[in-house]
Amino acid sequence: MRLNNIRLSGFIALIILSISGCKYQVAEPQWDQDHQNPSAPNITKVNPESATGGVNTIEINGTNFDTSLTRNKVYFDNIQADVIGGDDTTLRVLRPNLVTQSATIKVVSYDAIVVAEYSPYQITATHEMYGGFVTGLELHGLTFSDNGMLYIAQVDDRGPQYPYVIYKSETGATNTVVDTFSRSGVITAMAVAPDSQIVIMFDYRRNYRMDPATGEVNEWIQTSRSRYHISYGDFDADDNLYFGGPGLGIQVLPSGADPETGVIETGLYLDDQIVGLKSANNSLYVMTMATDSSRKLWKHPIESDGSVGAQEVVMDSTTLPAGYSPADVNTFAVSEDGTVYFGTRTKEPIFMIHPDGTPEVLYKGILPADAKELEFGAGGYLYMLHGEGEWNVLKIDVG
């Protein structure tokens, strides 16, 4: 027993000696450290100087922004903008959903105590309602004459088997009736001829011409392929008419040619379902739909005599912004600089493909959903036929 007690006492002494020789390794308390204030952010310049039509992104230049983009918050007044790129001297943000003459831009960096401010900054309206269509009835066939007159067809409230009402609008404030069009079926496209006649297409083997001065309607072109229909058509700068539809391919009525004997069959797209056709910038654009409802947009050079050159692809599944599929696309329009605007049934209704092939969403979070038709018209604005049960026309400033 005595021996055990000696051993126990020695063991305890050894432990005490070991502990007394150790130094605890603990972190220095935060309250004992000097606080390091991060450098205050500062805004030196905003580009462009104001967000007018066509400005999709805004670049904020300055100093001492956080190097981690997610740790920077940007506000225009009390509206937070999406930060999409940048570094410690530059932040790129999407245009906010705001209209004002004098917004205050604020940059809040995560650790900084000071908020950077810049004002005043002007942001103009991106769009407005056009034409005074407030009845909620379906609209089809949005088109413009060379002098800026809008023409559009409105479905009778009993359905497309009843007469359409053809409207015109010169100022956008109101619309007036041209006349009624009594053929049954859905109008798929309208175009204004060089002599100011309104050409109406609606998935039928004939198209029709309406005189906007008298409302008189006459049959015009009948296809040589009686089982197929003229669904889409457009005139080029030389007054040649290009038209086509599923199974019909692309056909051309050269300027001044007899509509009964002068139509030329190109042989293009005979096996494709054509769902859109427009002429712009000495080119013919054709949109086709596959069996899975996906779309492609093709571009052809065209000559003054109406001849059509080889195709190249403008839009397919490889050229879309994130979140879109070709099946979302309803329509398209082409600007003078070659940018193609696509109207979709999605929450963000319009995306663009620039001439260099770069895709971009137009005015994200600002435009109302569901673009049924797009057309460039009066004043160089882009006009959108807005669906989703509201059925109105939007005039969009794209710069």
Protein backbone atom coordinates (compact mmCIF):
# COMPACT_ATOMS: atom_id res chain seq x y z
CA MET A 1 0.00 0.00 0.00
CA ARG A 2 2.84 2.39 0.94
CA LEU A 3 4.52 1.74 -2.40
CA ASN A 4 1.32 2.54 -4.29
CA ASN A 5 0.92 5.84 -2.47
CA ILE A 6 4.48 6.82 -3.37
CA ARG A 7 3.85 6.00 -7.04
CA LEU A 8 0.59 8.02 -7.06
CA SER A 9 2.28 11.03 -5.46
CA GLY A 10 5.05 10.90 -8.04
CA PHE A 11 2.61 10.73 -10.92
CA ILE A 12 0.68 13.76 -9.62
CA ALA A 13 3.89 15.73 -9.21
CA LEU A 14 4.89 14.91 -12.77
CA ILE A 15 1.55 16.19 -14.10
CA ILE A 16 1.81 19.44 -12.13
CA LEU A 17 5.35 20.00 -13.40
CA SER A 18 4.26 19.35 -16.99
CA ILE A 19 1.33 21.79 -16.77
CA SER A 20 3.38 24.52 -15.18
CA GLY A 21 5.85 24.36 -18.07
CA CYS A 22 3.18 24.89 -20.78
CA LYS A 23 2.01 28.22 -22.26
CA TYR A 24 -1.58 28.39 -23.47
CA GLN A 25 -1.88 29.34 -27.20
CA VAL A 26 -5.05 31.49 -27.46
CA ALA A 27 -6.16 34.13 -29.97
CA GLU A 28 -5.84 37.72 -28.94
CA PRO A 29 -9.28 39.12 -28.11
CA GLN A 30 -10.82 41.27 -30.88
CA TRP A 31 -11.32 44.15 -28.47
CA ASP A 32 -7.57 44.30 -27.91
CA GLN A 33 -6.85 44.79 -31.63
CA ASP A 34 -6.81 48.08 -33.55
CA HIS A 35 -9.80 48.34 -35.96
CA GLN A 36 -8.74 48.58 -39.60
CA ASN A 37 -11.22 50.77 -41.49
CA PRO A 38 -11.35 49.76 -45.19
CA SER A 39 -10.78 52.58 -47.65
CA ALA A 40 -14.01 54.38 -48.45
CA PRO A 41 -15.49 53.68 -51.91
CA ASN A 42 -15.83 56.62 -54.27
CA ILE A 43 -17.70 57.13 -57.57
CA THR A 44 -15.79 59.23 -60.10
CA LYS A 45 -17.77 58.70 -63.30
CA VAL A 46 -20.87 56.96 -64.67
CA ASN A 47 -21.06 55.79 -68.28
CA PRO A 48 -23.21 56.62 -70.14
CA GLU A 49 -23.93 60.02 -68.63
CA SER A 50 -27.67 59.23 -68.67
CA ALA A 51 -29.71 56.08 -69.29
CA THR A 52 -31.64 56.96 -72.43
CA GLY A 53 -33.10 54.57 -75.03
CA GLY A 54 -30.91 51.61 -75.87
CA VAL A 55 -28.87 51.75 -72.65
CA ASN A 56 -29.06 48.23 -71.28
CA THR A 57 -26.13 48.32 -68.86
CA ILE A 58 -24.55 51.14 -66.85
CA GLU A 59 -20.88 51.30 -65.88
CA ILE A 60 -19.89 52.93 -62.60
CA ASN A 61 -16.22 53.96 -62.32
CA GLY A 62 -14.51 54.77 -59.06
CA THR A 63 -12.13 53.54 -56.38
CA ASN A 64 -12.12 51.11 -53.48
CA PHE A 65 -15.04 48.94 -54.54
CA ASP A 66 -14.95 45.48 -52.97
CA THR A 67 -12.98 43.03 -55.09
CA SER A 68 -15.74 40.45 -54.56
CA LEU A 69 -18.68 41.52 -56.74
CA THR A 70 -21.26 39.96 -54.43
CA ARG A 71 -20.05 42.23 -51.62
CA ASN A 72 -21.05 45.36 -53.56
CA LYS A 73 -24.63 46.63 -53.60
CA VAL A 74 -25.70 49.33 -56.06
CA TYR A 75 -28.85 51.39 -55.66
CA PHE A 76 -30.54 53.98 -57.85
CA ASP A 77 -32.53 55.89 -55.24
CA ASN A 78 -34.12 52.98 -53.37
CA ILE A 79 -34.07 50.53 -56.33
CA GLN A 80 -31.34 47.90 -56.19
CA ALA A 81 -29.63 47.16 -59.52
CA ASP A 82 -28.16 43.80 -60.53
CA VAL A 83 -24.36 43.86 -60.53
CA ILE A 84 -23.20 41.76 -63.50
CA GLY A 85 -19.47 42.46 -63.65
CA GLY A 86 -16.54 44.60 -62.64
CA ASP A 87 -13.62 44.92 -60.21
CA ASP A 88 -12.41 47.30 -57.51
CA THR A 89 -12.58 50.30 -59.87
CA THR A 90 -15.53 49.41 -62.11
CA LEU A 91 -19.01 48.02 -61.55
CA ARG A 92 -21.36 47.08 -64.40
CA VAL A 93 -25.05 46.95 -63.54
CA LEU A 94 -28.30 46.33 -65.40
CA ARG A 95 -30.50 49.33 -66.01
CA PRO A 96 -32.93 49.61 -63.06
CA ASN A 97 -36.71 49.68 -63.42
CA LEU A 98 -36.92 53.38 -62.68
CA VAL A 99 -37.80 56.60 -64.54
CA THR A 100 -36.40 59.80 -63.07
CA GLN A 101 -34.57 63.01 -63.92
CA SER A 102 -32.33 62.93 -60.85
CA ALA A 103 -31.56 59.53 -59.35
CA THR A 104 -28.90 59.20 -56.66
CA ILE A 105 -26.57 56.27 -57.31
CA LYS A 106 -25.22 54.61 -54.17
CA VAL A 107 -22.49 51.99 -53.93
CA VAL A 108 -22.40 50.05 -50.66
CA SER A 109 -19.26 47.94 -50.26
CA TYR A 110 -19.44 45.21 -47.64
CA ASP A 111 -16.92 46.35 -45.01
CA ALA A 112 -16.85 50.07 -45.74
CA ILE A 113 -18.51 52.47 -43.34
CA VAL A 114 -18.95 55.21 -45.96
CA VAL A 115 -21.52 54.86 -48.79
CA ALA A 116 -20.39 56.26 -52.15
CA GLU A 117 -22.95 58.55 -53.81
CA TYR A 118 -23.33 60.14 -57.25
CA SER A 119 -26.14 62.41 -58.46
CA PRO A 120 -28.11 63.50 -60.37
CA TYR A 121 -28.51 60.68 -62.88
CA GLN A 122 -31.27 60.67 -65.52
CA ILE A 123 -33.14 57.49 -66.49
CA THR A 124 -35.76 57.82 -69.24
CA ALA A 125 -38.77 55.58 -69.90
CA THR A 126 -38.09 52.45 -71.92
CA HIS A 127 -41.62 52.03 -73.27
CA GLU A 128 -45.18 53.31 -73.41
CA MET A 129 -48.54 52.01 -74.59
CA TYR A 130 -49.37 52.87 -78.19
CA GLY A 131 -52.61 52.99 -80.13
CA GLY A 132 -55.18 52.99 -77.35
CA PHE A 133 -56.11 49.29 -77.54
CA VAL A 134 -57.72 48.69 -74.17
CA THR A 135 -60.54 46.22 -74.88
CA GLY A 136 -58.49 43.07 -74.21
CA LEU A 137 -59.45 41.49 -77.56
CA GLU A 138 -56.81 39.58 -79.54
CA LEU A 139 -54.64 41.58 -81.94
CA HIS A 140 -52.78 40.25 -84.98
CA GLY A 141 -50.77 41.41 -87.98
CA LEU A 142 -48.86 44.40 -86.58
CA THR A 143 -47.34 46.39 -89.46
CA PHE A 144 -46.37 49.92 -90.50
CA SER A 145 -46.48 51.91 -93.70
CA ASP A 146 -43.46 53.92 -94.87
CA ASN A 147 -45.05 57.11 -93.52
CA GLY A 148 -45.38 55.63 -90.02
CA MET A 149 -49.03 54.58 -90.02
CA LEU A 150 -49.69 51.55 -87.80
CA TYR A 151 -52.13 48.92 -89.07
CA ILE A 152 -53.38 46.03 -86.99
CA ALA A 153 -56.27 43.53 -86.95
CA GLN A 154 -58.46 42.93 -83.92
CA VAL A 155 -60.43 39.72 -83.48
CA ASP A 156 -64.18 39.98 -83.02
CA ASP A 157 -65.06 39.10 -79.42
CA ARG A 158 -66.89 36.02 -80.74
CA GLY A 159 -63.71 34.57 -82.24
CA PRO A 160 -61.63 34.54 -85.47
CA GLN A 161 -64.43 32.92 -87.50
CA TYR A 162 -66.15 36.31 -87.37
CA PRO A 163 -65.02 39.53 -89.09
CA TYR A 164 -61.77 41.18 -88.04
CA VAL A 165 -61.67 44.90 -87.51
CA ILE A 166 -58.68 46.53 -89.21
CA TYR A 167 -57.42 49.57 -87.28
CA LYS A 168 -54.94 52.31 -88.04
CA SER A 169 -53.14 54.65 -85.68
CA GLU A 170 -51.10 57.67 -86.74
CA THR A 171 -50.15 59.28 -83.44
CA GLY A 172 -50.41 56.40 -80.98
CA ALA A 173 -52.94 58.17 -78.79
CA THR A 174 -56.03 56.65 -80.43
CA ASN A 175 -56.97 54.30 -83.25
CA THR A 176 -59.57 54.49 -85.98
CA VAL A 177 -61.33 51.80 -87.99
CA VAL A 178 -60.27 51.19 -91.59
CA ASP A 179 -62.90 48.50 -92.22
CA THR A 180 -63.72 44.89 -91.44
CA PHE A 181 -62.19 41.78 -92.98
CA SER A 182 -64.64 38.90 -93.05
CA ARG A 183 -62.53 35.88 -94.03
CA SER A 184 -62.44 33.26 -91.25
CA GLY A 185 -59.12 32.08 -89.82
CA VAL A 186 -56.28 33.62 -87.84
CA ILE A 187 -54.45 36.50 -89.50
CA THR A 188 -50.76 35.54 -89.35
CA ALA A 189 -49.22 38.64 -90.96
CA MET A 190 -49.95 41.92 -92.70
CA ALA A 191 -47.69 44.11 -94.83
CA VAL A 192 -48.11 47.46 -96.56
CA ALA A 193 -47.52 47.39 -100.32
CA PRO A 194 -45.69 50.17 -102.23
CA ASP A 195 -49.07 51.52 -103.39
CA SER A 196 -50.20 51.71 -99.70
CA GLN A 197 -52.56 48.72 -100.01
CA ILE A 198 -52.66 46.47 -96.92
CA VAL A 199 -51.71 42.89 -97.78
CA ILE A 200 -53.39 40.37 -95.45
CA MET A 201 -52.19 36.79 -94.91
CA PHE A 202 -53.94 34.21 -92.76
CA ASP A 203 -52.96 30.61 -93.53
CA TYR A 204 -54.94 30.44 -96.75
CA ARG A 205 -53.89 29.68 -100.32
CA ARG A 206 -54.62 33.29 -101.27
CA ASN A 207 -53.65 36.59 -99.77
CA TYR A 208 -55.78 39.73 -99.97
CA ARG A 209 -55.36 43.46 -100.46
CA MET A 210 -57.34 46.10 -98.59
CA ASP A 211 -57.53 49.71 -99.72
CA PRO A 212 -57.03 51.79 -96.53
CA ALA A 213 -58.87 54.73 -98.08
CA THR A 214 -62.08 52.85 -98.97
CA GLY A 215 -61.86 49.56 -97.03
CA GLU A 216 -62.39 47.62 -100.25
CA VAL A 217 -60.90 44.10 -100.15
CA ASN A 218 -59.78 42.07 -103.18
CA GLU A 219 -58.10 38.70 -103.70
CA TRP A 220 -54.56 39.09 -104.92
CA ILE A 221 -52.07 36.19 -105.19
CA GLN A 222 -53.05 32.52 -105.32
CA THR A 223 -50.36 29.91 -104.77
CA SER A 224 -49.52 27.37 -107.42
CA ARG A 225 -49.47 24.77 -104.65
CA SER A 226 -53.15 24.66 -103.78
CA ARG A 227 -52.72 22.50 -100.69
CA TYR A 228 -50.40 25.00 -99.03
CA HIS A 229 -51.01 28.44 -97.61
CA ILE A 230 -49.49 31.91 -97.70
CA SER A 231 -48.79 32.64 -94.05
CA TYR A 232 -46.08 35.31 -94.04
CA GLY A 233 -44.82 37.98 -96.40
CA ASP A 234 -42.84 41.21 -96.64
CA PHE A 235 -41.65 43.78 -99.18
CA ASP A 236 -38.01 44.74 -99.61
CA ALA A 237 -36.58 48.18 -100.39
CA ASP A 238 -36.99 47.47 -104.13
CA ASP A 239 -40.71 46.62 -103.75
CA ASN A 240 -40.25 42.89 -104.35
CA LEU A 241 -42.66 40.76 -102.30
CA TYR A 242 -41.33 37.64 -100.56
CA PHE A 243 -43.93 35.27 -99.16
CA GLY A 244 -44.23 31.72 -97.93
CA GLY A 245 -45.65 29.25 -95.49
CA PRO A 246 -45.43 25.62 -94.35
CA GLY A 247 -44.89 23.39 -97.38
CA LEU A 248 -45.00 26.37 -99.73
CA GLY A 249 -41.39 27.39 -99.33
CA ILE A 250 -40.33 30.90 -100.30
CA GLN A 251 -41.83 32.55 -103.36
CA VAL A 252 -41.16 35.97 -104.86
CA LEU A 253 -43.34 38.42 -106.75
CA PRO A 254 -40.83 40.84 -108.35
CA SER A 255 -41.73 44.50 -108.38
CA GLY A 256 -44.19 45.26 -111.18
CA ALA A 257 -44.73 41.58 -112.08
CA ASP A 258 -48.16 40.14 -112.81
CA PRO A 259 -49.44 38.39 -109.63
CA GLU A 260 -50.96 35.57 -111.72
CA THR A 261 -48.00 34.81 -113.97
CA GLY A 262 -44.95 36.51 -112.46
CA VAL A 263 -44.47 34.63 -109.17
CA ILE A 264 -41.07 32.92 -108.86
CA GLU A 265 -40.58 29.78 -106.77
CA THR A 266 -37.18 29.74 -105.10
CA GLY A 267 -37.31 26.08 -104.01
CA LEU A 268 -36.16 27.12 -100.54
CA TYR A 269 -37.69 25.66 -97.36
CA LEU A 270 -40.15 23.37 -99.14
CA ASP A 271 -39.70 20.78 -96.39
CA ASP A 272 -39.69 23.26 -93.50
CA GLN A 273 -42.42 24.88 -91.48
CA ILE A 274 -41.97 28.60 -91.94
CA VAL A 275 -43.17 30.65 -88.96
CA GLY A 276 -41.80 34.07 -89.83
CA LEU A 277 -40.42 36.05 -92.77
CA LYS A 278 -39.08 39.61 -92.99
CA SER A 279 -36.91 41.72 -95.25
CA ALA A 280 -34.34 44.15 -93.83
CA ASN A 281 -30.98 45.65 -94.80
CA ASN A 282 -30.89 43.94 -98.23
CA SER A 283 -31.43 40.58 -96.60
CA LEU A 284 -34.28 38.13 -96.23
CA TYR A 285 -34.79 36.59 -92.78
CA VAL A 286 -36.74 33.33 -92.47
CA MET A 287 -37.71 31.63 -89.21
CA THR A 288 -38.45 27.92 -89.29
CA MET A 289 -39.89 25.57 -86.67
CA ALA A 290 -38.86 21.94 -86.11
CA THR A 291 -41.11 19.12 -84.94
CA ASP A 292 -40.04 19.76 -81.31
CA SER A 293 -41.27 23.39 -81.66
CA SER A 294 -37.72 24.79 -81.59
CA ARG A 295 -36.94 27.62 -83.99
CA LYS A 296 -34.04 28.71 -86.17
CA LEU A 297 -33.57 32.03 -87.90
CA TRP A 298 -31.87 32.10 -91.30
CA LYS A 299 -30.52 35.05 -93.28
CA HIS A 300 -30.18 35.34 -97.07
CA PRO A 301 -28.70 38.16 -99.16
CA ILE A 302 -31.20 39.45 -101.73
CA GLU A 303 -30.73 41.36 -104.97
CA SER A 304 -32.75 44.19 -106.49
CA ASP A 305 -34.45 41.76 -108.90
CA GLY A 306 -35.72 39.62 -105.99
CA SER A 307 -33.20 36.80 -106.30
CA VAL A 308 -32.29 35.09 -103.02
CA GLY A 309 -28.75 34.05 -102.07
CA ALA A 310 -27.35 31.34 -99.82
CA GLN A 311 -28.49 31.00 -96.23
CA GLU A 312 -26.61 31.49 -92.97
CA VAL A 313 -27.89 30.80 -89.47
CA VAL A 314 -28.55 33.75 -87.14
CA MET A 315 -30.28 32.06 -84.21
CA ASP A 316 -30.33 28.52 -82.90
CA SER A 317 -29.78 26.81 -79.56
CA THR A 318 -26.14 27.97 -79.44
CA THR A 319 -26.87 31.71 -79.68
CA LEU A 320 -29.40 32.26 -76.90
CA PRO A 321 -28.99 34.06 -73.57
CA ALA A 322 -29.20 31.90 -70.45
CA GLY A 323 -32.75 30.93 -69.54
CA TYR A 324 -34.16 30.86 -73.09
CA SER A 325 -34.82 28.03 -75.51
CA PRO A 326 -35.61 28.34 -79.23
CA ALA A 327 -39.12 27.04 -78.48
CA ASP A 328 -39.78 30.24 -76.49
CA VAL A 329 -39.49 32.45 -79.58
CA ASN A 330 -42.67 33.85 -81.15
CA THR A 331 -41.40 36.55 -83.49
CA PHE A 332 -38.47 38.75 -84.51
CA ALA A 333 -37.56 42.15 -85.95
CA VAL A 334 -34.31 43.50 -87.43
CA SER A 335 -32.82 46.94 -86.75
CA GLU A 336 -30.85 49.04 -89.23
CA ASP A 337 -27.55 48.06 -87.60
CA GLY A 338 -28.32 44.35 -88.04
CA THR A 339 -29.27 43.58 -84.45
CA VAL A 340 -32.06 41.01 -84.37
CA TYR A 341 -34.68 41.35 -81.64
CA PHE A 342 -36.58 38.20 -80.68
CA GLY A 343 -39.98 38.30 -79.02
CA THR A 344 -40.74 35.45 -76.63
CA ARG A 345 -43.56 34.20 -74.43
CA THR A 346 -41.32 34.35 -71.35
CA LYS A 347 -41.12 36.71 -68.37
CA GLU A 348 -38.29 38.61 -70.09
CA PRO A 349 -40.05 39.06 -73.44
CA ILE A 350 -37.24 40.31 -75.71
CA PHE A 351 -33.65 39.28 -76.25
CA MET A 352 -31.21 40.50 -78.88
CA ILE A 353 -28.51 38.95 -80.99
CA HIS A 354 -25.99 41.59 -82.03
CA PRO A 355 -24.26 41.54 -85.43
CA ASP A 356 -21.19 39.92 -83.84
CA GLY A 357 -23.38 37.08 -82.54
CA THR A 358 -23.44 38.23 -78.90
CA PRO A 359 -26.81 37.57 -77.19
CA GLU A 360 -28.29 39.98 -74.62
CA VAL A 361 -31.62 40.38 -72.80
CA LEU A 362 -33.34 43.70 -73.51
CA TYR A 363 -34.32 45.74 -70.42
CA LYS A 364 -34.34 42.82 -68.01
CA GLY A 365 -37.03 43.12 -65.34
CA ILE A 366 -38.67 46.12 -67.01
CA LEU A 367 -40.82 45.04 -69.98
CA PRO A 368 -44.11 43.13 -69.50
CA ALA A 369 -44.12 39.45 -70.43
CA ASP A 370 -45.25 37.78 -73.67
CA ALA A 371 -44.24 39.38 -76.99
CA LYS A 372 -46.52 38.04 -79.74
CA GLU A 373 -45.17 40.18 -82.59
CA LEU A 374 -42.34 42.69 -83.06
CA GLU A 375 -41.99 45.35 -85.73
CA PHE A 376 -39.86 48.45 -86.29
CA GLY A 377 -42.07 51.39 -87.18
CA ALA A 378 -42.82 55.06 -86.66
CA GLY A 379 -39.90 57.08 -85.36
CA GLY A 380 -37.51 54.15 -85.51
CA TYR A 381 -39.01 52.63 -82.36
CA LEU A 382 -39.51 48.91 -81.80
CA TYR A 383 -43.19 48.01 -81.39
CA MET A 384 -44.26 44.95 -79.45
CA LEU A 385 -47.65 43.29 -79.64
CA HIS A 386 -48.23 42.40 -75.99
CA GLY A 387 -50.38 39.35 -75.24
CA GLU A 388 -51.06 37.60 -71.91
CA GLY A 389 -54.74 38.55 -72.04
CA GLU A 390 -54.09 42.30 -72.18
CA TRP A 391 -53.53 42.63 -75.96
CA ASN A 392 -51.97 46.01 -76.46
CA VAL A 393 -49.12 47.57 -78.42
CA LEU A 394 -45.96 48.82 -76.70
CA LYS A 395 -43.69 51.44 -78.22
CA ILE A 396 -40.14 50.61 -77.06
CA ASP A 397 -37.20 53.00 -77.22
CA VAL A 398 -34.15 50.91 -78.18
CA GLY A 399 -31.99 53.89 -79.11
